[in-house]
Amino acid sequence: MAQSKRDIAYLKLSNEEKWEIMMRVNKLAIAFNNGRPIKKPQGKGIVFNQKGNGLI
């Protein structure tokens, strides 16, 4: 499968640059959601909710 120019450019970035991009996107998402994070911890730890998978 061919990668887009955007994918190739992203993959060439350092881990620090990728982190900075992620933080900027997160700040934008919070700004567009009236100052609230898109997702927040629910204090439940890891929850497996599929029945029959042997993990409940």
C-alpha atoms as a PDB file:
ATOM      1  CA  MET A   1       0.000   0.000   0.000  1.00  0.00           C
ATOM      2  CA  ALA A   2       1.413   3.368  -0.990  1.00  0.00           C
ATOM      3  CA  GLN A   3       1.920   5.967   1.708  1.00  0.00           C
ATOM      4  CA  SER A   4       0.844   9.551   1.242  1.00  0.00           C
ATOM      5  CA  LYS A   5       3.310  12.434   1.333  1.00  0.00           C
ATOM      6  CA  ARG A   6       1.805  13.442   4.668  1.00  0.00           C
ATOM      7  CA  ASP A   7       2.440   9.961   6.116  1.00  0.00           C
ATOM      8  CA  ILE A   8       6.028   9.934   4.887  1.00  0.00           C
ATOM      9  CA  ALA A   9       6.689  13.418   6.311  1.00  0.00           C
ATOM     10  CA  TYR A  10       5.238  12.396   9.685  1.00  0.00           C
ATOM     11  CA  LEU A  11       7.294   9.217   9.861  1.00  0.00           C
ATOM     12  CA  LYS A  12      10.487  11.223   9.311  1.00  0.00           C
ATOM     13  CA  LEU A  13       9.853  13.343  12.416  1.00  0.00           C
ATOM     14  CA  SER A  14      11.645  12.694  15.690  1.00  0.00           C
ATOM     15  CA  ASN A  15       9.730  11.407  18.701  1.00  0.00           C
ATOM     16  CA  GLU A  16       9.924  14.876  20.263  1.00  0.00           C
ATOM     17  CA  GLU A  17       8.411  16.483  17.151  1.00  0.00           C
ATOM     18  CA  LYS A  18       5.619  13.896  17.069  1.00  0.00           C
ATOM     19  CA  TRP A  19       4.905  14.602  20.756  1.00  0.00           C
ATOM     20  CA  GLU A  20       4.706  18.355  20.120  1.00  0.00           C
ATOM     21  CA  ILE A  21       2.269  17.808  17.250  1.00  0.00           C
ATOM     22  CA  MET A  22       0.092  15.574  19.430  1.00  0.00           C
ATOM     23  CA  MET A  23       0.040  18.178  22.207  1.00  0.00           C
ATOM     24  CA  ARG A  24      -0.943  20.942  19.771  1.00  0.00           C
ATOM     25  CA  VAL A  25      -3.773  18.821  18.368  1.00  0.00           C
ATOM     26  CA  ASN A  26      -4.938  18.023  21.904  1.00  0.00           C
ATOM     27  CA  LYS A  27      -4.997  21.722  22.842  1.00  0.00           C
ATOM     28  CA  LEU A  28      -7.018  22.502  19.718  1.00  0.00           C
ATOM     29  CA  ALA A  29      -9.485  19.719  20.520  1.00  0.00           C
ATOM     30  CA  ILE A  30      -9.953  21.084  24.046  1.00  0.00           C
ATOM     31  CA  ALA A  31     -10.448  24.609  22.683  1.00  0.00           C
ATOM     32  CA  PHE A  32     -13.126  23.396  20.257  1.00  0.00           C
ATOM     33  CA  ASN A  33     -14.856  21.467  23.081  1.00  0.00           C
ATOM     34  CA  ASN A  34     -15.417  24.538  25.302  1.00  0.00           C
ATOM     35  CA  GLY A  35     -12.366  23.893  27.475  1.00  0.00           C
ATOM     36  CA  ARG A  36     -13.212  20.288  28.321  1.00  0.00           C
ATOM     37  CA  PRO A  37     -11.068  17.342  27.257  1.00  0.00           C
ATOM     38  CA  ILE A  38     -12.542  15.053  24.616  1.00  0.00           C
ATOM     39  CA  LYS A  39     -11.924  12.012  26.818  1.00  0.00           C
ATOM     40  CA  LYS A  40     -11.304  11.796  30.526  1.00  0.00           C
ATOM     41  CA  PRO A  41     -10.353   8.958  32.884  1.00  0.00           C
ATOM     42  CA  GLN A  42     -13.263   7.187  34.533  1.00  0.00           C
ATOM     43  CA  GLY A  43     -11.259   5.724  37.411  1.00  0.00           C
ATOM     44  CA  LYS A  44     -12.163   2.165  36.493  1.00  0.00           C
ATOM     45  CA  GLY A  45      -8.774   0.944  35.293  1.00  0.00           C
ATOM     46  CA  ILE A  46      -8.852  -1.513  32.440  1.00  0.00           C
ATOM     47  CA  VAL A  47     -12.386  -2.632  31.627  1.00  0.00           C
ATOM     48  CA  PHE A  48     -13.109  -5.556  29.336  1.00  0.00           C
ATOM     49  CA  ASN A  49     -16.756  -5.469  28.378  1.00  0.00           C
ATOM     50  CA  GLN A  50     -16.997  -8.243  25.782  1.00  0.00           C
ATOM     51  CA  LYS A  51     -18.866 -11.272  27.054  1.00  0.00           C
ATOM     52  CA  GLY A  52     -17.425 -14.688  26.484  1.00  0.00           C
ATOM     53  CA  ASN A  53     -13.788 -13.668  26.140  1.00  0.00           C
ATOM     54  CA  GLY A  54     -12.778 -15.191  29.471  1.00  0.00           C
ATOM     55  CA  LEU A  55     -11.521 -11.879  30.861  1.00  0.00           C
ATOM     56  CA  ILE A  56     -14.524 -10.883  32.996  1.00  0.00           C
END
